Amino acid sequence: MATSIKIDDDLKHRIQLLAGARQRTAHWIMREALSQYVEREEARESFKQEALSSWKNYLETGLHVTGSEARAWLDTWGTEQASEPPKCHD
C-alpha cells in the first residue's frame, strides 16, 4: 500500500541530514520513525485499556492493594527476603 505524507522543508532537510549521518536512506529513517511511534502508541493504548479494566474491576469488587502494601512488597524484590505479592482485600 503506497501512502504519501507532506512534510515541511525544514523537517525534510533534517531527515536528509540524519539519513546521511546514519548512512541510511531518508525513506528508511521515516519508516523507522513511524514504526517506533506506532509501537509506542500501541503500548500506551494497551496500558490505558488495562488501567480502565482494573478500575472497572475495583468498582465492581472493591478489592485492592494499598500503595504502601505494594511498595513494601516491591522493596523485597531482588533480596533474600523476597516475599509473595500482597493479597487483594476490601
PDB file of N, CA and C in Angstrom:
ATOM      1  N   MET A   1       0.846  -1.165   0.000  1.00  0.00           N
ATOM      2  CA  MET A   1       0.000   0.000   0.000  1.00  0.00           C
ATOM      3  C   MET A   1       0.899   1.238   0.000  1.00  0.00           C
ATOM      4  N   ALA A   2       0.814   2.007  -1.001  1.00  0.00           N
ATOM      5  CA  ALA A   2       1.598   3.230  -1.099  1.00  0.00           C
ATOM      6  C   ALA A   2       0.844   4.363  -0.418  1.00  0.00           C
ATOM      7  N   THR A   3       1.550   5.095   0.405  1.00  0.00           N
ATOM      8  CA  THR A   3       0.980   6.242   1.104  1.00  0.00           C
ATOM      9  C   THR A   3       1.966   7.380   1.009  1.00  0.00           C
ATOM     10  N   SER A   4       1.470   8.588   0.897  1.00  0.00           N
ATOM     11  CA  SER A   4       2.380   9.729   0.876  1.00  0.00           C
ATOM     12  C   SER A   4       1.994  10.680   1.996  1.00  0.00           C
ATOM     13  N   ILE A   5       2.987  11.391   2.495  1.00  0.00           N
ATOM     14  CA  ILE A   5       2.744  12.407   3.512  1.00  0.00           C
ATOM     15  C   ILE A   5       3.447  13.685   3.076  1.00  0.00           C
ATOM     16  N   LYS A   6       2.909  14.787   3.518  1.00  0.00           N
ATOM     17  CA  LYS A   6       3.529  16.072   3.203  1.00  0.00           C
ATOM     18  C   LYS A   6       4.260  16.551   4.450  1.00  0.00           C
ATOM     19  N   ILE A   7       5.527  16.903   4.270  1.00  0.00           N
ATOM     20  CA  ILE A   7       6.320  17.440   5.371  1.00  0.00           C
ATOM     21  C   ILE A   7       6.925  18.763   4.922  1.00  0.00           C
ATOM     22  N   ASP A   8       7.161  19.628   5.892  1.00  0.00           N
ATOM     23  CA  ASP A   8       7.723  20.932   5.517  1.00  0.00           C
ATOM     24  C   ASP A   8       9.204  20.786   5.161  1.00  0.00           C
ATOM     25  N   ASP A   9       9.718  21.812   4.520  1.00  0.00           N
ATOM     26  CA  ASP A   9      11.098  21.774   4.022  1.00  0.00           C
ATOM     27  C   ASP A   9      12.120  21.593   5.150  1.00  0.00           C
ATOM     28  N   ASP A  10      11.861  22.206   6.308  1.00  0.00           N
ATOM     29  CA  ASP A  10      12.805  22.087   7.421  1.00  0.00           C
ATOM     30  C   ASP A  10      12.903  20.634   7.895  1.00  0.00           C
ATOM     31  N   LEU A  11      11.751  19.982   8.073  1.00  0.00           N
ATOM     32  CA  LEU A  11      11.776  18.583   8.511  1.00  0.00           C
ATOM     33  C   LEU A  11      12.412  17.695   7.443  1.00  0.00           C
ATOM     34  N   LYS A  12      12.104  17.951   6.202  1.00  0.00           N
ATOM     35  CA  LYS A  12      12.700  17.175   5.112  1.00  0.00           C
ATOM     36  C   LYS A  12      14.224  17.291   5.149  1.00  0.00           C
ATOM     37  N   HIS A  13      14.723  18.509   5.340  1.00  0.00           N
ATOM     38  CA  HIS A  13      16.170  18.735   5.414  1.00  0.00           C
ATOM     39  C   HIS A  13      16.777  17.999   6.608  1.00  0.00           C
ATOM     40  N   ARG A  14      16.114  18.067   7.766  1.00  0.00           N
ATOM     41  CA  ARG A  14      16.613  17.380   8.966  1.00  0.00           C
ATOM     42  C   ARG A  14      16.666  15.862   8.755  1.00  0.00           C
ATOM     43  N   ILE A  15      15.656  15.326   8.096  1.00  0.00           N
ATOM     44  CA  ILE A  15      15.632  13.880   7.810  1.00  0.00           C
ATOM     45  C   ILE A  15      16.784  13.516   6.877  1.00  0.00           C
ATOM     46  N   GLN A  16      17.015  14.335   5.866  1.00  0.00           N
ATOM     47  CA  GLN A  16      18.100  14.066   4.928  1.00  0.00           C
ATOM     48  C   GLN A  16      19.455  14.120   5.624  1.00  0.00           C
ATOM     49  N   LEU A  17      19.647  15.088   6.516  1.00  0.00           N
ATOM     50  CA  LEU A  17      20.903  15.173   7.268  1.00  0.00           C
ATOM     51  C   LEU A  17      21.102  13.942   8.154  1.00  0.00           C
ATOM     52  N   LEU A  18      20.035  13.540   8.841  1.00  0.00           N
ATOM     53  CA  LEU A  18      20.117  12.371   9.708  1.00  0.00           C
ATOM     54  C   LEU A  18      20.369  11.107   8.893  1.00  0.00           C
ATOM     55  N   ALA A  19      19.716  10.993   7.770  1.00  0.00           N
ATOM     56  CA  ALA A  19      19.913   9.828   6.899  1.00  0.00           C
ATOM     57  C   ALA A  19      21.372   9.739   6.460  1.00  0.00           C
ATOM     58  N   GLY A  20      21.950  10.865   6.094  1.00  0.00           N
ATOM     59  CA  GLY A  20      23.357  10.875   5.704  1.00  0.00           C
ATOM     60  C   GLY A  20      24.271  10.487   6.848  1.00  0.00           C
ATOM     61  N   ALA A  21      23.986  11.006   8.024  1.00  0.00           N
ATOM     62  CA  ALA A  21      24.818  10.701   9.195  1.00  0.00           C
ATOM     63  C   ALA A  21      24.719   9.224   9.582  1.00  0.00           C
ATOM     64  N   ARG A  22      23.556   8.634   9.369  1.00  0.00           N
ATOM     65  CA  ARG A  22      23.341   7.227   9.739  1.00  0.00           C
ATOM     66  C   ARG A  22      23.619   6.269   8.577  1.00  0.00           C
ATOM     67  N   GLN A  23      23.977   6.811   7.455  1.00  0.00           N
ATOM     68  CA  GLN A  23      24.202   6.028   6.242  1.00  0.00           C
ATOM     69  C   GLN A  23      22.972   5.170   5.919  1.00  0.00           C
ATOM     70  N   ARG A  24      21.831   5.812   5.970  1.00  0.00           N
ATOM     71  CA  ARG A  24      20.542   5.203   5.640  1.00  0.00           C
ATOM     72  C   ARG A  24      19.853   6.103   4.628  1.00  0.00           C
ATOM     73  N   THR A  25      18.792   5.603   4.052  1.00  0.00           N
ATOM     74  CA  THR A  25      18.004   6.450   3.165  1.00  0.00           C
ATOM     75  C   THR A  25      17.006   7.247   3.996  1.00  0.00           C
ATOM     76  N   ALA A  26      16.552   8.361   3.430  1.00  0.00           N
ATOM     77  CA  ALA A  26      15.519   9.144   4.095  1.00  0.00           C
ATOM     78  C   ALA A  26      14.265   8.286   4.276  1.00  0.00           C
ATOM     79  N   HIS A  27      13.981   7.456   3.302  1.00  0.00           N
ATOM     80  CA  HIS A  27      12.830   6.548   3.386  1.00  0.00           C
ATOM     81  C   HIS A  27      12.957   5.634   4.597  1.00  0.00           C
ATOM     82  N   TRP A  28      14.133   5.071   4.823  1.00  0.00           N
ATOM     83  CA  TRP A  28      14.351   4.184   5.966  1.00  0.00           C
ATOM     84  C   TRP A  28      14.141   4.945   7.274  1.00  0.00           C
ATOM     85  N   ILE A  29      14.673   6.167   7.365  1.00  0.00           N
ATOM     86  CA  ILE A  29      14.525   6.984   8.577  1.00  0.00           C
ATOM     87  C   ILE A  29      13.050   7.231   8.875  1.00  0.00           C
ATOM     88  N   MET A  30      12.287   7.584   7.858  1.00  0.00           N
ATOM     89  CA  MET A  30      10.863   7.875   8.060  1.00  0.00           C
ATOM     90  C   MET A  30      10.078   6.623   8.440  1.00  0.00           C
ATOM     91  N   ARG A  31      10.376   5.499   7.793  1.00  0.00           N
ATOM     92  CA  ARG A  31       9.686   4.245   8.150  1.00  0.00           C
ATOM     93  C   ARG A  31      10.008   3.841   9.582  1.00  0.00           C
ATOM     94  N   GLU A  32      11.275   3.979   9.975  1.00  0.00           N
ATOM     95  CA  GLU A  32      11.677   3.629  11.338  1.00  0.00           C
ATOM     96  C   GLU A  32      10.979   4.531  12.347  1.00  0.00           C
ATOM     97  N   ALA A  33      10.913   5.814  12.059  1.00  0.00           N
ATOM     98  CA  ALA A  33      10.242   6.758  12.956  1.00  0.00           C
ATOM     99  C   ALA A  33       8.766   6.413  13.112  1.00  0.00           C
ATOM    100  N   LEU A  34       8.106   6.126  11.999  1.00  0.00           N
ATOM    101  CA  LEU A  34       6.692   5.761  12.056  1.00  0.00           C
ATOM    102  C   LEU A  34       6.482   4.455  12.812  1.00  0.00           C
ATOM    103  N   SER A  35       7.341   3.486  12.564  1.00  0.00           N
ATOM    104  CA  SER A  35       7.229   2.199  13.241  1.00  0.00           C
ATOM    105  C   SER A  35       7.375   2.359  14.749  1.00  0.00           C
ATOM    106  N   GLN A  36       8.383   3.114  15.174  1.00  0.00           N
ATOM    107  CA  GLN A  36       8.591   3.329  16.609  1.00  0.00           C
ATOM    108  C   GLN A  36       7.430   4.096  17.227  1.00  0.00           C
ATOM    109  N   TYR A  37       6.902   5.074  16.523  1.00  0.00           N
ATOM    110  CA  TYR A  37       5.764   5.843  17.018  1.00  0.00           C
ATOM    111  C   TYR A  37       4.550   4.940  17.210  1.00  0.00           C
ATOM    112  N   VAL A  38       4.250   4.125  16.203  1.00  0.00           N
ATOM    113  CA  VAL A  38       3.081   3.252  16.286  1.00  0.00           C
ATOM    114  C   VAL A  38       3.243   2.240  17.425  1.00  0.00           C
ATOM    115  N   GLU A  39       4.420   1.653  17.560  1.00  0.00           N
ATOM    116  CA  GLU A  39       4.656   0.706  18.659  1.00  0.00           C
ATOM    117  C   GLU A  39       4.464   1.376  20.013  1.00  0.00           C
ATOM    118  N   ARG A  40       4.999   2.590  20.162  1.00  0.00           N
ATOM    119  CA  ARG A  40       4.878   3.315  21.424  1.00  0.00           C
ATOM    120  C   ARG A  40       3.413   3.639  21.725  1.00  0.00           C
ATOM    121  N   GLU A  41       2.671   4.079  20.727  1.00  0.00           N
ATOM    122  CA  GLU A  41       1.264   4.430  20.935  1.00  0.00           C
ATOM    123  C   GLU A  41       0.404   3.193  21.185  1.00  0.00           C
ATOM    124  N   GLU A  42       0.735   2.072  20.542  1.00  0.00           N
ATOM    125  CA  GLU A  42       0.017   0.825  20.815  1.00  0.00           C
ATOM    126  C   GLU A  42       0.241   0.393  22.254  1.00  0.00           C
ATOM    127  N   ALA A  43       1.475   0.505  22.742  1.00  0.00           N
ATOM    128  CA  ALA A  43       1.776   0.151  24.130  1.00  0.00           C
ATOM    129  C   ALA A  43       1.037   1.081  25.084  1.00  0.00           C
ATOM    130  N   ARG A  44       0.997   2.363  24.758  1.00  0.00           N
ATOM    131  CA  ARG A  44       0.281   3.329  25.595  1.00  0.00           C
ATOM    132  C   ARG A  44      -1.200   2.991  25.653  1.00  0.00           C
ATOM    133  N   GLU A  45      -1.784   2.661  24.515  1.00  0.00           N
ATOM    134  CA  GLU A  45      -3.203   2.316  24.470  1.00  0.00           C
ATOM    135  C   GLU A  45      -3.476   1.034  25.253  1.00  0.00           C
ATOM    136  N   SER A  46      -2.588   0.056  25.133  1.00  0.00           N
ATOM    137  CA  SER A  46      -2.737  -1.191  25.886  1.00  0.00           C
ATOM    138  C   SER A  46      -2.695  -0.919  27.391  1.00  0.00           C
ATOM    139  N   PHE A  47      -1.765  -0.069  27.827  1.00  0.00           N
ATOM    140  CA  PHE A  47      -1.652   0.292  29.238  1.00  0.00           C
ATOM    141  C   PHE A  47      -2.935   0.991  29.704  1.00  0.00           C
ATOM    142  N   LYS A  48      -3.450   1.891  28.876  1.00  0.00           N
ATOM    143  CA  LYS A  48      -4.677   2.611  29.218  1.00  0.00           C
ATOM    144  C   LYS A  48      -5.845   1.640  29.363  1.00  0.00           C
ATOM    145  N   GLN A  49      -5.982   0.705  28.419  1.00  0.00           N
ATOM    146  CA  GLN A  49      -7.075  -0.254  28.479  1.00  0.00           C
ATOM    147  C   GLN A  49      -6.959  -1.161  29.709  1.00  0.00           C
ATOM    148  N   GLU A  50      -5.732  -1.555  30.044  1.00  0.00           N
ATOM    149  CA  GLU A  50      -5.514  -2.381  31.236  1.00  0.00           C
ATOM    150  C   GLU A  50      -5.897  -1.597  32.496  1.00  0.00           C
ATOM    151  N   ALA A  51      -5.539  -0.329  32.554  1.00  0.00           N
ATOM    152  CA  ALA A  51      -5.885   0.509  33.703  1.00  0.00           C
ATOM    153  C   ALA A  51      -7.399   0.672  33.816  1.00  0.00           C
ATOM    154  N   LEU A  52      -8.070   0.905  32.695  1.00  0.00           N
ATOM    155  CA  LEU A  52      -9.528   1.043  32.725  1.00  0.00           C
ATOM    156  C   LEU A  52     -10.197  -0.248  33.173  1.00  0.00           C
ATOM    157  N   SER A  53      -9.665  -1.374  32.720  1.00  0.00           N
ATOM    158  CA  SER A  53     -10.205  -2.666  33.135  1.00  0.00           C
ATOM    159  C   SER A  53      -9.999  -2.890  34.632  1.00  0.00           C
ATOM    160  N   SER A  54      -8.824  -2.524  35.126  1.00  0.00           N
ATOM    161  CA  SER A  54      -8.547  -2.661  36.560  1.00  0.00           C
ATOM    162  C   SER A  54      -9.469  -1.764  37.370  1.00  0.00           C
ATOM    163  N   TRP A  55      -9.666  -0.541  36.901  1.00  0.00           N
ATOM    164  CA  TRP A  55     -10.553   0.391  37.605  1.00  0.00           C
ATOM    165  C   TRP A  55     -11.982  -0.149  37.640  1.00  0.00           C
ATOM    166  N   LYS A  56     -12.453  -0.682  36.519  1.00  0.00           N
ATOM    167  CA  LYS A  56     -13.789  -1.273  36.457  1.00  0.00           C
ATOM    168  C   LYS A  56     -13.903  -2.426  37.443  1.00  0.00           C
ATOM    169  N   ASN A  57     -12.879  -3.280  37.487  1.00  0.00           N
ATOM    170  CA  ASN A  57     -12.879  -4.405  38.412  1.00  0.00           C
ATOM    171  C   ASN A  57     -12.931  -3.919  39.861  1.00  0.00           C
ATOM    172  N   TYR A  58     -12.163  -2.876  40.171  1.00  0.00           N
ATOM    173  CA  TYR A  58     -12.167  -2.318  41.524  1.00  0.00           C
ATOM    174  C   TYR A  58     -13.559  -1.781  41.870  1.00  0.00           C
ATOM    175  N   LEU A  59     -14.186  -1.062  40.946  1.00  0.00           N
ATOM    176  CA  LEU A  59     -15.517  -0.519  41.213  1.00  0.00           C
ATOM    177  C   LEU A  59     -16.541  -1.622  41.453  1.00  0.00           C
ATOM    178  N   GLU A  60     -16.374  -2.753  40.760  1.00  0.00           N
ATOM    179  CA  GLU A  60     -17.311  -3.865  40.908  1.00  0.00           C
ATOM    180  C   GLU A  60     -17.070  -4.673  42.173  1.00  0.00           C
ATOM    181  N   THR A  61     -15.804  -4.823  42.578  1.00  0.00           N
ATOM    182  CA  THR A  61     -15.491  -5.722  43.693  1.00  0.00           C
ATOM    183  C   THR A  61     -15.002  -5.011  44.948  1.00  0.00           C
ATOM    184  N   GLY A  62     -14.404  -3.842  44.791  1.00  0.00           N
ATOM    185  CA  GLY A  62     -13.816  -3.138  45.930  1.00  0.00           C
ATOM    186  C   GLY A  62     -12.483  -3.714  46.361  1.00  0.00           C
ATOM    187  N   LEU A  63     -12.031  -4.778  45.704  1.00  0.00           N
ATOM    188  CA  LEU A  63     -10.761  -5.402  46.085  1.00  0.00           C
ATOM    189  C   LEU A  63      -9.598  -4.531  45.610  1.00  0.00           C
ATOM    190  N   HIS A  64      -8.591  -4.405  46.477  1.00  0.00           N
ATOM    191  CA  HIS A  64      -7.454  -3.554  46.153  1.00  0.00           C
ATOM    192  C   HIS A  64      -6.248  -3.918  47.013  1.00  0.00           C
ATOM    193  N   VAL A  65      -5.122  -3.333  46.661  1.00  0.00           N
ATOM    194  CA  VAL A  65      -3.890  -3.365  47.452  1.00  0.00           C
ATOM    195  C   VAL A  65      -3.498  -1.910  47.624  1.00  0.00           C
ATOM    196  N   THR A  66      -3.118  -1.516  48.823  1.00  0.00           N
ATOM    197  CA  THR A  66      -2.730  -0.121  49.038  1.00  0.00           C
ATOM    198  C   THR A  66      -1.352   0.144  48.434  1.00  0.00           C
ATOM    199  N   GLY A  67      -1.056   1.403  48.230  1.00  0.00           N
ATOM    200  CA  GLY A  67       0.253   1.785  47.719  1.00  0.00           C
ATOM    201  C   GLY A  67       1.369   1.361  48.641  1.00  0.00           C
ATOM    202  N   SER A  68       1.164   1.510  49.940  1.00  0.00           N
ATOM    203  CA  SER A  68       2.214   1.124  50.893  1.00  0.00           C
ATOM    204  C   SER A  68       2.421  -0.385  50.901  1.00  0.00           C
ATOM    205  N   GLU A  69       1.350  -1.151  50.728  1.00  0.00           N
ATOM    206  CA  GLU A  69       1.491  -2.613  50.642  1.00  0.00           C
ATOM    207  C   GLU A  69       2.288  -2.999  49.392  1.00  0.00           C
ATOM    208  N   ALA A  70       1.980  -2.355  48.282  1.00  0.00           N
ATOM    209  CA  ALA A  70       2.693  -2.646  47.039  1.00  0.00           C
ATOM    210  C   ALA A  70       4.164  -2.252  47.156  1.00  0.00           C
ATOM    211  N   ARG A  71       4.441  -1.068  47.733  1.00  0.00           N
ATOM    212  CA  ARG A  71       5.835  -0.618  47.896  1.00  0.00           C
ATOM    213  C   ARG A  71       6.621  -1.556  48.805  1.00  0.00           C
ATOM    214  N   ALA A  72       5.997  -1.994  49.912  1.00  0.00           N
ATOM    215  CA  ALA A  72       6.677  -2.911  50.835  1.00  0.00           C
ATOM    216  C   ALA A  72       7.028  -4.210  50.123  1.00  0.00           C
ATOM    217  N   TRP A  73       6.120  -4.706  49.287  1.00  0.00           N
ATOM    218  CA  TRP A  73       6.397  -5.931  48.530  1.00  0.00           C
ATOM    219  C   TRP A  73       7.506  -5.696  47.512  1.00  0.00           C
ATOM    220  N   LEU A  74       7.410  -4.589  46.760  1.00  0.00           N
ATOM    221  CA  LEU A  74       8.426  -4.298  45.749  1.00  0.00           C
ATOM    222  C   LEU A  74       9.807  -4.097  46.364  1.00  0.00           C
ATOM    223  N   ASP A  75       9.859  -3.588  47.585  1.00  0.00           N
ATOM    224  CA  ASP A  75      11.147  -3.393  48.261  1.00  0.00           C
ATOM    225  C   ASP A  75      11.859  -4.713  48.533  1.00  0.00           C
ATOM    226  N   THR A  76      11.129  -5.827  48.514  1.00  0.00           N
ATOM    227  CA  THR A  76      11.754  -7.127  48.765  1.00  0.00           C
ATOM    228  C   THR A  76      12.313  -7.761  47.491  1.00  0.00           C
ATOM    229  N   TRP A  77      11.958  -7.207  46.334  1.00  0.00           N
ATOM    230  CA  TRP A  77      12.434  -7.776  45.073  1.00  0.00           C
ATOM    231  C   TRP A  77      13.956  -7.750  45.037  1.00  0.00           C
ATOM    232  N   GLY A  78      14.532  -8.843  44.572  1.00  0.00           N
ATOM    233  CA  GLY A  78      15.977  -8.931  44.408  1.00  0.00           C
ATOM    234  C   GLY A  78      16.728  -9.118  45.718  1.00  0.00           C
ATOM    235  N   THR A  79      16.020  -9.408  46.785  1.00  0.00           N
ATOM    236  CA  THR A  79      16.666  -9.654  48.078  1.00  0.00           C
ATOM    237  C   THR A  79      16.421 -11.096  48.486  1.00  0.00           C
ATOM    238  N   GLU A  80      17.145 -11.528  49.489  1.00  0.00           N
ATOM    239  CA  GLU A  80      16.935 -12.885  50.004  1.00  0.00           C
ATOM    240  C   GLU A  80      15.602 -12.993  50.725  1.00  0.00           C
ATOM    241  N   GLN A  81      15.034 -11.869  51.122  1.00  0.00           N
ATOM    242  CA  GLN A  81      13.750 -11.868  51.822  1.00  0.00           C
ATOM    243  C   GLN A  81      12.573 -11.573  50.881  1.00  0.00           C
ATOM    244  N   ALA A  82      12.743 -11.881  49.594  1.00  0.00           N
ATOM    245  CA  ALA A  82      11.667 -11.621  48.626  1.00  0.00           C
ATOM    246  C   ALA A  82      10.386 -12.296  49.099  1.00  0.00           C
ATOM    247  N   SER A  83       9.308 -11.532  49.072  1.00  0.00           N
ATOM    248  CA  SER A  83       8.038 -12.056  49.582  1.00  0.00           C
ATOM    249  C   SER A  83       7.035 -12.234  48.459  1.00  0.00           C
ATOM    250  N   GLU A  84       5.947 -12.902  48.787  1.00  0.00           N
ATOM    251  CA  GLU A  84       4.858 -13.090  47.845  1.00  0.00           C
ATOM    252  C   GLU A  84       4.106 -11.762  47.706  1.00  0.00           C
ATOM    253  N   PRO A  85       3.449 -11.559  46.581  1.00  0.00           N
ATOM    254  CA  PRO A  85       2.696 -10.316  46.430  1.00  0.00           C
ATOM    255  C   PRO A  85       1.568 -10.231  47.468  1.00  0.00           C
ATOM    256  N   PRO A  86       1.206  -9.027  47.882  1.00  0.00           N
ATOM    257  CA  PRO A  86       0.131  -8.889  48.858  1.00  0.00           C
ATOM    258  C   PRO A  86      -1.201  -9.334  48.254  1.00  0.00           C
ATOM    259  N   LYS A  87      -2.072  -9.804  49.095  1.00  0.00           N
ATOM    260  CA  LYS A  87      -3.400 -10.230  48.661  1.00  0.00           C
ATOM    261  C   LYS A  87      -4.330  -9.026  48.575  1.00  0.00           C
ATOM    262  N   CYS A  88      -5.210  -9.060  47.597  1.00  0.00           N
ATOM    263  CA  CYS A  88      -6.204  -8.005  47.488  1.00  0.00           C
ATOM    264  C   CYS A  88      -7.211  -8.140  48.626  1.00  0.00           C
ATOM    265  N   HIS A  89      -7.716  -7.011  49.090  1.00  0.00           N
ATOM    266  CA  HIS A  89      -8.683  -7.005  50.186  1.00  0.00           C
ATOM    267  C   HIS A  89      -9.668  -5.870  49.985  1.00  0.00           C
ATOM    268  N   ASP A  90     -10.713  -5.869  50.801  1.00  0.00           N
ATOM    269  CA  ASP A  90     -11.729  -4.792  50.747  1.00  0.00           C
ATOM    270  C   ASP A  90     -11.181  -3.522  51.350  1.00  0.00           C
TER     271      ASP A  90
END
